[in-house]
Amino acid sequence: HFEAAHALNGYDGKCRNIHGHSYELRVTVKGMPLDEPGNPKNGMVIDFHDLKQIVNQEVVDKFDHAFIIGNNMPEDFVEITKRNFDKVVELPYQPTTENMLSDFAERIKKRLPQHVELYSITLQETRDNIAEWREE
């Protein structure tokens, strides 16, 4: 879970205004469970603690309580925002849930052990709005 605000510059709906979400990120991995008797990780694809640490370091710690903006925002807006707020995350894309999912997937995949694959991630931004990314 993480809390964040974002702005969708150029969007034509209600969400064109700066607004925030209580995001819920779910990560699903796949792989063969370790078959090494005596290994403390025997029977696991990945230790959930290790997976949570990856997700926290790559996503939650960077985005929690941040103002997320895309690279299509006016330069003066970005400068003023960064000058007045501590945690502004400027992304090279429009910060929609769909785009954020693709970004998060790449961040997480780079950190997984070789024998573990990212299968899917979902990002829920509101009670009714959920997007899903799947490796296909």
N, C-alpha and C. Protein backbone atom coordinates (compact mmCIF):
# COMPACT_ATOMS: atom_id res chain seq x y z
N HIS A 1 0.83 -1.18 0.00
CA HIS A 1 0.00 0.00 0.00
C HIS A 1 0.88 1.24 0.00
N PHE A 2 0.44 2.25 -0.72
CA PHE A 2 1.10 3.55 -0.65
C PHE A 2 0.10 4.64 -1.03
N GLU A 3 0.36 5.81 -0.51
CA GLU A 3 -0.47 6.98 -0.78
C GLU A 3 0.31 7.90 -1.71
N ALA A 4 -0.35 8.44 -2.72
CA ALA A 4 0.33 9.36 -3.62
C ALA A 4 -0.69 10.24 -4.33
N ALA A 5 -0.20 11.40 -4.75
CA ALA A 5 -1.00 12.30 -5.58
C ALA A 5 -0.38 12.29 -6.97
N HIS A 6 -1.21 12.56 -7.97
CA HIS A 6 -0.66 12.70 -9.31
C HIS A 6 -1.48 13.70 -10.10
N ALA A 7 -0.91 14.10 -11.23
CA ALA A 7 -1.58 15.01 -12.15
C ALA A 7 -1.47 14.43 -13.55
N LEU A 8 -2.58 14.44 -14.25
CA LEU A 8 -2.62 13.92 -15.62
C LEU A 8 -2.79 15.10 -16.57
N ASN A 9 -1.68 15.66 -16.98
CA ASN A 9 -1.70 16.84 -17.83
C ASN A 9 -2.32 16.52 -19.18
N GLY A 10 -3.29 17.33 -19.59
CA GLY A 10 -3.95 17.15 -20.88
C GLY A 10 -5.14 16.22 -20.86
N TYR A 11 -5.41 15.58 -19.74
CA TYR A 11 -6.55 14.68 -19.64
C TYR A 11 -7.84 15.49 -19.69
N ASP A 12 -8.93 14.92 -20.23
CA ASP A 12 -10.16 15.68 -20.41
C ASP A 12 -11.28 15.31 -19.44
N GLY A 13 -10.99 14.57 -18.39
CA GLY A 13 -12.03 14.20 -17.42
C GLY A 13 -11.79 14.84 -16.07
N LYS A 14 -12.55 14.39 -15.06
CA LYS A 14 -12.43 14.94 -13.71
C LYS A 14 -11.02 14.81 -13.15
N CYS A 15 -10.34 13.76 -13.54
CA CYS A 15 -9.00 13.50 -13.00
C CYS A 15 -7.91 14.38 -13.61
N ARG A 16 -8.31 15.40 -14.37
CA ARG A 16 -7.31 16.33 -14.90
C ARG A 16 -6.76 17.21 -13.79
N ASN A 17 -7.49 17.28 -12.68
CA ASN A 17 -7.03 18.06 -11.53
C ASN A 17 -6.08 17.22 -10.69
N ILE A 18 -5.22 17.89 -9.96
CA ILE A 18 -4.34 17.18 -9.04
C ILE A 18 -5.22 16.43 -8.04
N HIS A 19 -4.93 15.16 -7.84
CA HIS A 19 -5.72 14.35 -6.91
C HIS A 19 -4.85 13.20 -6.40
N GLY A 20 -5.34 12.52 -5.38
CA GLY A 20 -4.55 11.46 -4.78
C GLY A 20 -5.31 10.15 -4.70
N HIS A 21 -4.55 9.10 -4.43
CA HIS A 21 -5.10 7.76 -4.31
C HIS A 21 -4.44 7.02 -3.16
N SER A 22 -5.18 6.06 -2.62
CA SER A 22 -4.63 5.07 -1.70
C SER A 22 -4.40 3.82 -2.54
N TYR A 23 -3.20 3.71 -3.08
CA TYR A 23 -2.89 2.62 -4.01
C TYR A 23 -2.67 1.30 -3.27
N GLU A 24 -3.08 0.22 -3.93
CA GLU A 24 -2.78 -1.12 -3.44
C GLU A 24 -2.14 -1.88 -4.59
N LEU A 25 -0.92 -2.34 -4.36
CA LEU A 25 -0.15 -3.06 -5.36
C LEU A 25 -0.08 -4.52 -4.96
N ARG A 26 -0.41 -5.41 -5.89
CA ARG A 26 -0.31 -6.85 -5.66
C ARG A 26 0.64 -7.44 -6.70
N VAL A 27 1.56 -8.25 -6.23
CA VAL A 27 2.60 -8.82 -7.09
C VAL A 27 2.49 -10.35 -7.04
N THR A 28 2.49 -10.97 -8.22
CA THR A 28 2.47 -12.42 -8.32
C THR A 28 3.69 -12.88 -9.11
N VAL A 29 4.41 -13.82 -8.54
CA VAL A 29 5.59 -14.38 -9.21
C VAL A 29 5.35 -15.85 -9.48
N LYS A 30 6.19 -16.43 -10.36
CA LYS A 30 6.10 -17.85 -10.63
C LYS A 30 7.50 -18.43 -10.75
N GLY A 31 7.57 -19.72 -10.50
CA GLY A 31 8.84 -20.43 -10.59
C GLY A 31 8.69 -21.77 -9.89
N MET A 32 9.74 -22.54 -9.93
CA MET A 32 9.75 -23.84 -9.27
C MET A 32 10.23 -23.66 -7.83
N PRO A 33 9.51 -24.26 -6.89
CA PRO A 33 9.99 -24.19 -5.51
C PRO A 33 11.37 -24.85 -5.39
N LEU A 34 12.18 -24.28 -4.56
CA LEU A 34 13.52 -24.80 -4.31
C LEU A 34 13.42 -26.21 -3.73
N ASP A 35 14.21 -27.11 -4.25
CA ASP A 35 14.22 -28.49 -3.75
C ASP A 35 15.63 -28.79 -3.24
N GLU A 36 15.92 -28.21 -2.09
CA GLU A 36 17.23 -28.37 -1.47
C GLU A 36 17.03 -28.63 0.03
N PRO A 37 16.82 -29.89 0.41
CA PRO A 37 16.66 -30.19 1.83
C PRO A 37 17.82 -29.59 2.63
N GLY A 38 17.49 -29.00 3.74
CA GLY A 38 18.49 -28.35 4.58
C GLY A 38 18.63 -26.86 4.31
N ASN A 39 18.22 -26.42 3.13
CA ASN A 39 18.25 -24.98 2.81
C ASN A 39 17.05 -24.34 3.52
N PRO A 40 17.24 -23.24 4.23
CA PRO A 40 16.12 -22.62 4.94
C PRO A 40 15.01 -22.13 4.01
N LYS A 41 15.31 -22.00 2.72
CA LYS A 41 14.30 -21.56 1.74
C LYS A 41 13.71 -22.75 0.97
N ASN A 42 14.00 -23.97 1.40
CA ASN A 42 13.50 -25.17 0.73
C ASN A 42 11.98 -25.12 0.63
N GLY A 43 11.46 -25.42 -0.56
CA GLY A 43 10.02 -25.44 -0.77
C GLY A 43 9.45 -24.10 -1.19
N MET A 44 10.29 -23.06 -1.26
CA MET A 44 9.81 -21.71 -1.63
C MET A 44 10.24 -21.36 -3.04
N VAL A 45 9.38 -20.62 -3.76
CA VAL A 45 9.79 -20.00 -5.02
C VAL A 45 10.66 -18.79 -4.67
N ILE A 46 10.18 -18.00 -3.74
CA ILE A 46 10.92 -16.86 -3.20
C ILE A 46 10.39 -16.61 -1.79
N ASP A 47 11.25 -16.24 -0.91
CA ASP A 47 10.82 -15.88 0.44
C ASP A 47 9.97 -14.61 0.34
N PHE A 48 8.76 -14.63 0.87
CA PHE A 48 7.88 -13.47 0.78
C PHE A 48 8.53 -12.22 1.38
N HIS A 49 9.35 -12.40 2.39
CA HIS A 49 10.06 -11.26 2.97
C HIS A 49 10.98 -10.62 1.92
N ASP A 50 11.67 -11.44 1.16
CA ASP A 50 12.57 -10.94 0.13
C ASP A 50 11.79 -10.22 -0.98
N LEU A 51 10.66 -10.80 -1.38
CA LEU A 51 9.83 -10.18 -2.41
C LEU A 51 9.29 -8.84 -1.93
N LYS A 52 8.82 -8.81 -0.69
CA LYS A 52 8.29 -7.56 -0.14
C LYS A 52 9.39 -6.50 -0.08
N GLN A 53 10.59 -6.90 0.26
CA GLN A 53 11.71 -5.95 0.32
C GLN A 53 11.98 -5.36 -1.07
N ILE A 54 11.95 -6.18 -2.10
CA ILE A 54 12.15 -5.70 -3.47
C ILE A 54 11.06 -4.70 -3.84
N VAL A 55 9.81 -5.06 -3.58
CA VAL A 55 8.68 -4.19 -3.93
C VAL A 55 8.76 -2.88 -3.15
N ASN A 56 9.09 -2.96 -1.89
CA ASN A 56 9.20 -1.73 -1.09
C ASN A 56 10.32 -0.83 -1.61
N GLN A 57 11.48 -1.40 -1.88
CA GLN A 57 12.62 -0.60 -2.34
C GLN A 57 12.39 0.00 -3.73
N GLU A 58 11.79 -0.77 -4.62
CA GLU A 58 11.63 -0.32 -6.00
C GLU A 58 10.39 0.54 -6.24
N VAL A 59 9.36 0.37 -5.41
CA VAL A 59 8.11 1.07 -5.67
C VAL A 59 7.64 1.86 -4.45
N VAL A 60 7.30 1.17 -3.40
CA VAL A 60 6.63 1.82 -2.26
C VAL A 60 7.46 2.95 -1.67
N ASP A 61 8.72 2.69 -1.36
CA ASP A 61 9.56 3.73 -0.75
C ASP A 61 9.72 4.95 -1.65
N LYS A 62 9.72 4.74 -2.95
CA LYS A 62 9.92 5.84 -3.91
C LYS A 62 8.64 6.63 -4.17
N PHE A 63 7.49 5.97 -4.09
CA PHE A 63 6.24 6.61 -4.49
C PHE A 63 5.33 6.98 -3.33
N ASP A 64 5.53 6.41 -2.15
CA ASP A 64 4.64 6.69 -1.02
C ASP A 64 4.73 8.15 -0.62
N HIS A 65 3.59 8.78 -0.51
CA HIS A 65 3.45 10.19 -0.14
C HIS A 65 4.24 11.11 -1.07
N ALA A 66 4.23 10.75 -2.35
CA ALA A 66 4.88 11.57 -3.36
C ALA A 66 3.82 12.24 -4.23
N PHE A 67 4.26 13.29 -4.91
CA PHE A 67 3.46 13.91 -5.96
C PHE A 67 4.08 13.44 -7.26
N ILE A 68 3.32 12.68 -8.05
CA ILE A 68 3.81 12.03 -9.25
C ILE A 68 3.37 12.85 -10.47
N ILE A 69 4.36 13.24 -11.27
CA ILE A 69 4.05 14.02 -12.47
C ILE A 69 4.78 13.41 -13.66
N GLY A 70 4.23 13.65 -14.83
CA GLY A 70 4.85 13.17 -16.05
C GLY A 70 5.74 14.23 -16.67
N ASN A 71 6.50 13.82 -17.67
CA ASN A 71 7.42 14.74 -18.33
C ASN A 71 6.71 15.69 -19.29
N ASN A 72 5.39 15.63 -19.36
CA ASN A 72 4.64 16.53 -20.22
C ASN A 72 4.10 17.75 -19.47
N MET A 73 4.52 17.92 -18.23
CA MET A 73 4.08 19.09 -17.45
C MET A 73 4.90 20.31 -17.85
N PRO A 74 4.31 21.51 -17.77
CA PRO A 74 5.08 22.72 -18.07
C PRO A 74 6.30 22.84 -17.15
N GLU A 75 7.40 23.27 -17.73
CA GLU A 75 8.67 23.33 -16.99
C GLU A 75 8.58 24.21 -15.76
N ASP A 76 7.89 25.35 -15.85
CA ASP A 76 7.79 26.24 -14.69
C ASP A 76 6.99 25.59 -13.56
N PHE A 77 5.97 24.79 -13.92
CA PHE A 77 5.19 24.07 -12.92
C PHE A 77 6.07 23.07 -12.18
N VAL A 78 6.88 22.34 -12.94
CA VAL A 78 7.78 21.34 -12.35
C VAL A 78 8.77 22.02 -11.40
N GLU A 79 9.36 23.12 -11.83
CA GLU A 79 10.33 23.83 -11.00
C GLU A 79 9.70 24.33 -9.70
N ILE A 80 8.53 24.94 -9.79
CA ILE A 80 7.85 25.46 -8.60
C ILE A 80 7.48 24.32 -7.67
N THR A 81 6.98 23.25 -8.24
CA THR A 81 6.57 22.10 -7.44
C THR A 81 7.76 21.50 -6.69
N LYS A 82 8.86 21.29 -7.40
CA LYS A 82 10.05 20.70 -6.78
C LYS A 82 10.65 21.63 -5.73
N ARG A 83 10.51 22.93 -5.93
CA ARG A 83 11.03 23.89 -4.97
C ARG A 83 10.21 23.91 -3.68
N ASN A 84 8.92 23.59 -3.79
CA ASN A 84 8.03 23.71 -2.64
C ASN A 84 7.66 22.40 -1.95
N PHE A 85 7.97 21.29 -2.57
CA PHE A 85 7.62 20.00 -1.98
C PHE A 85 8.82 19.07 -2.01
N ASP A 86 8.95 18.24 -0.97
CA ASP A 86 10.11 17.38 -0.82
C ASP A 86 10.12 16.17 -1.73
N LYS A 87 8.96 15.60 -1.97
CA LYS A 87 8.93 14.31 -2.67
C LYS A 87 8.09 14.43 -3.95
N VAL A 88 8.75 14.88 -5.00
CA VAL A 88 8.13 14.98 -6.32
C VAL A 88 8.82 13.97 -7.21
N VAL A 89 8.04 13.07 -7.79
CA VAL A 89 8.58 12.04 -8.69
C VAL A 89 8.18 12.42 -10.10
N GLU A 90 9.17 12.77 -10.91
CA GLU A 90 8.91 13.11 -12.31
C GLU A 90 9.22 11.88 -13.16
N LEU A 91 8.23 11.44 -13.91
CA LEU A 91 8.36 10.22 -14.71
C LEU A 91 8.42 10.56 -16.19
N PRO A 92 9.03 9.69 -17.00
CA PRO A 92 9.12 9.95 -18.44
C PRO A 92 7.86 9.54 -19.20
N TYR A 93 6.72 9.57 -18.54
CA TYR A 93 5.45 9.19 -19.15
C TYR A 93 4.31 9.82 -18.35
N GLN A 94 3.12 9.81 -18.94
CA GLN A 94 1.91 10.26 -18.24
C GLN A 94 1.65 9.27 -17.10
N PRO A 95 1.52 9.74 -15.85
CA PRO A 95 1.43 8.82 -14.71
C PRO A 95 0.03 8.22 -14.51
N THR A 96 -0.43 7.50 -15.53
CA THR A 96 -1.67 6.74 -15.40
C THR A 96 -1.37 5.44 -14.68
N THR A 97 -2.37 4.80 -14.18
CA THR A 97 -2.18 3.51 -13.52
C THR A 97 -1.57 2.50 -14.48
N GLU A 98 -2.02 2.50 -15.72
CA GLU A 98 -1.51 1.55 -16.70
C GLU A 98 -0.01 1.76 -16.95
N ASN A 99 0.39 3.01 -17.14
CA ASN A 99 1.81 3.29 -17.37
C ASN A 99 2.65 3.00 -16.14
N MET A 100 2.13 3.32 -14.98
CA MET A 100 2.85 3.05 -13.75
C MET A 100 3.06 1.55 -13.57
N LEU A 101 2.06 0.76 -13.93
CA LEU A 101 2.19 -0.71 -13.83
C LEU A 101 3.34 -1.23 -14.69
N SER A 102 3.42 -0.76 -15.91
CA SER A 102 4.51 -1.20 -16.79
C SER A 102 5.86 -0.83 -16.20
N ASP A 103 5.97 0.37 -15.67
CA ASP A 103 7.20 0.84 -15.03
C ASP A 103 7.52 -0.02 -13.81
N PHE A 104 6.54 -0.24 -12.95
CA PHE A 104 6.75 -1.04 -11.74
C PHE A 104 7.19 -2.46 -12.10
N ALA A 105 6.57 -3.03 -13.15
CA ALA A 105 6.94 -4.38 -13.58
C ALA A 105 8.42 -4.45 -13.95
N GLU A 106 8.89 -3.48 -14.70
CA GLU A 106 10.31 -3.47 -15.09
C GLU A 106 11.22 -3.31 -13.89
N ARG A 107 10.85 -2.45 -12.96
CA ARG A 107 11.65 -2.24 -11.75
C ARG A 107 11.76 -3.53 -10.93
N ILE A 108 10.64 -4.22 -10.78
CA ILE A 108 10.60 -5.44 -9.97
C ILE A 108 11.34 -6.57 -10.68
N LYS A 109 11.10 -6.74 -11.99
CA LYS A 109 11.74 -7.83 -12.74
C LYS A 109 13.26 -7.78 -12.65
N LYS A 110 13.82 -6.60 -12.68
CA LYS A 110 15.28 -6.44 -12.63
C LYS A 110 15.88 -6.95 -11.32
N ARG A 111 15.07 -7.01 -10.27
CA ARG A 111 15.58 -7.37 -8.96
C ARG A 111 15.31 -8.81 -8.56
N LEU A 112 14.48 -9.51 -9.32
CA LEU A 112 14.12 -10.89 -8.95
C LEU A 112 15.28 -11.84 -9.21
N PRO A 113 15.41 -12.87 -8.38
CA PRO A 113 16.43 -13.90 -8.65
C PRO A 113 16.17 -14.54 -10.01
N GLN A 114 17.20 -15.11 -10.61
CA GLN A 114 17.09 -15.68 -11.97
C GLN A 114 16.02 -16.75 -12.09
N HIS A 115 15.79 -17.51 -11.05
CA HIS A 115 14.82 -18.62 -11.13
C HIS A 115 13.38 -18.18 -10.85
N VAL A 116 13.18 -16.89 -10.64
CA VAL A 116 11.84 -16.36 -10.33
C VAL A 116 11.41 -15.41 -11.44
N GLU A 117 10.18 -15.57 -11.93
CA GLU A 117 9.63 -14.70 -12.97
C GLU A 117 8.46 -13.90 -12.41
N LEU A 118 8.35 -12.67 -12.87
CA LEU A 118 7.18 -11.87 -12.54
C LEU A 118 6.04 -12.35 -13.42
N TYR A 119 4.94 -12.73 -12.81
CA TYR A 119 3.78 -13.23 -13.55
C TYR A 119 2.77 -12.13 -13.80
N SER A 120 2.41 -11.40 -12.74
CA SER A 120 1.45 -10.32 -12.89
C SER A 120 1.57 -9.35 -11.72
N ILE A 121 1.11 -8.14 -11.97
CA ILE A 121 0.94 -7.17 -10.89
C ILE A 121 -0.36 -6.43 -11.16
N THR A 122 -1.04 -6.09 -10.09
CA THR A 122 -2.23 -5.27 -10.20
C THR A 122 -2.02 -4.02 -9.35
N LEU A 123 -2.61 -2.93 -9.82
CA LEU A 123 -2.55 -1.67 -9.09
C LEU A 123 -3.96 -1.14 -8.98
N GLN A 124 -4.43 -1.06 -7.76
CA GLN A 124 -5.77 -0.54 -7.49
C GLN A 124 -5.61 0.89 -7.02
N GLU A 125 -6.27 1.83 -7.73
CA GLU A 125 -6.15 3.23 -7.35
C GLU A 125 -7.38 3.73 -6.59
N THR A 126 -8.52 3.14 -6.86
CA THR A 126 -9.74 3.45 -6.11
C THR A 126 -10.46 2.14 -5.85
N ARG A 127 -11.54 2.22 -5.12
CA ARG A 127 -12.32 1.02 -4.81
C ARG A 127 -12.75 0.29 -6.10
N ASP A 128 -13.04 1.04 -7.14
CA ASP A 128 -13.58 0.46 -8.36
C ASP A 128 -12.59 0.36 -9.53
N ASN A 129 -11.42 0.97 -9.42
CA ASN A 129 -10.51 1.04 -10.56
C ASN A 129 -9.22 0.27 -10.30
N ILE A 130 -9.06 -0.80 -11.06
CA ILE A 130 -7.90 -1.68 -10.93
C ILE A 130 -7.35 -1.96 -12.33
N ALA A 131 -6.04 -1.88 -12.46
CA ALA A 131 -5.39 -2.25 -13.71
C ALA A 131 -4.47 -3.44 -13.42
N GLU A 132 -4.27 -4.28 -14.44
CA GLU A 132 -3.41 -5.45 -14.28
C GLU A 132 -2.40 -5.53 -15.41
N TRP A 133 -1.19 -5.93 -15.06
CA TRP A 133 -0.12 -6.19 -16.01
C TRP A 133 0.22 -7.67 -15.91
N ARG A 134 0.38 -8.33 -17.06
CA ARG A 134 0.78 -9.74 -17.06
C ARG A 134 1.91 -9.93 -18.06
N GLU A 135 2.86 -10.77 -17.68
CA GLU A 135 3.94 -11.14 -18.59
C GLU A 135 3.38 -12.16 -19.55
N GLU A 136 3.39 -11.85 -20.82
CA GLU A 136 2.85 -12.77 -21.83
C GLU A 136 3.81 -12.89 -22.98
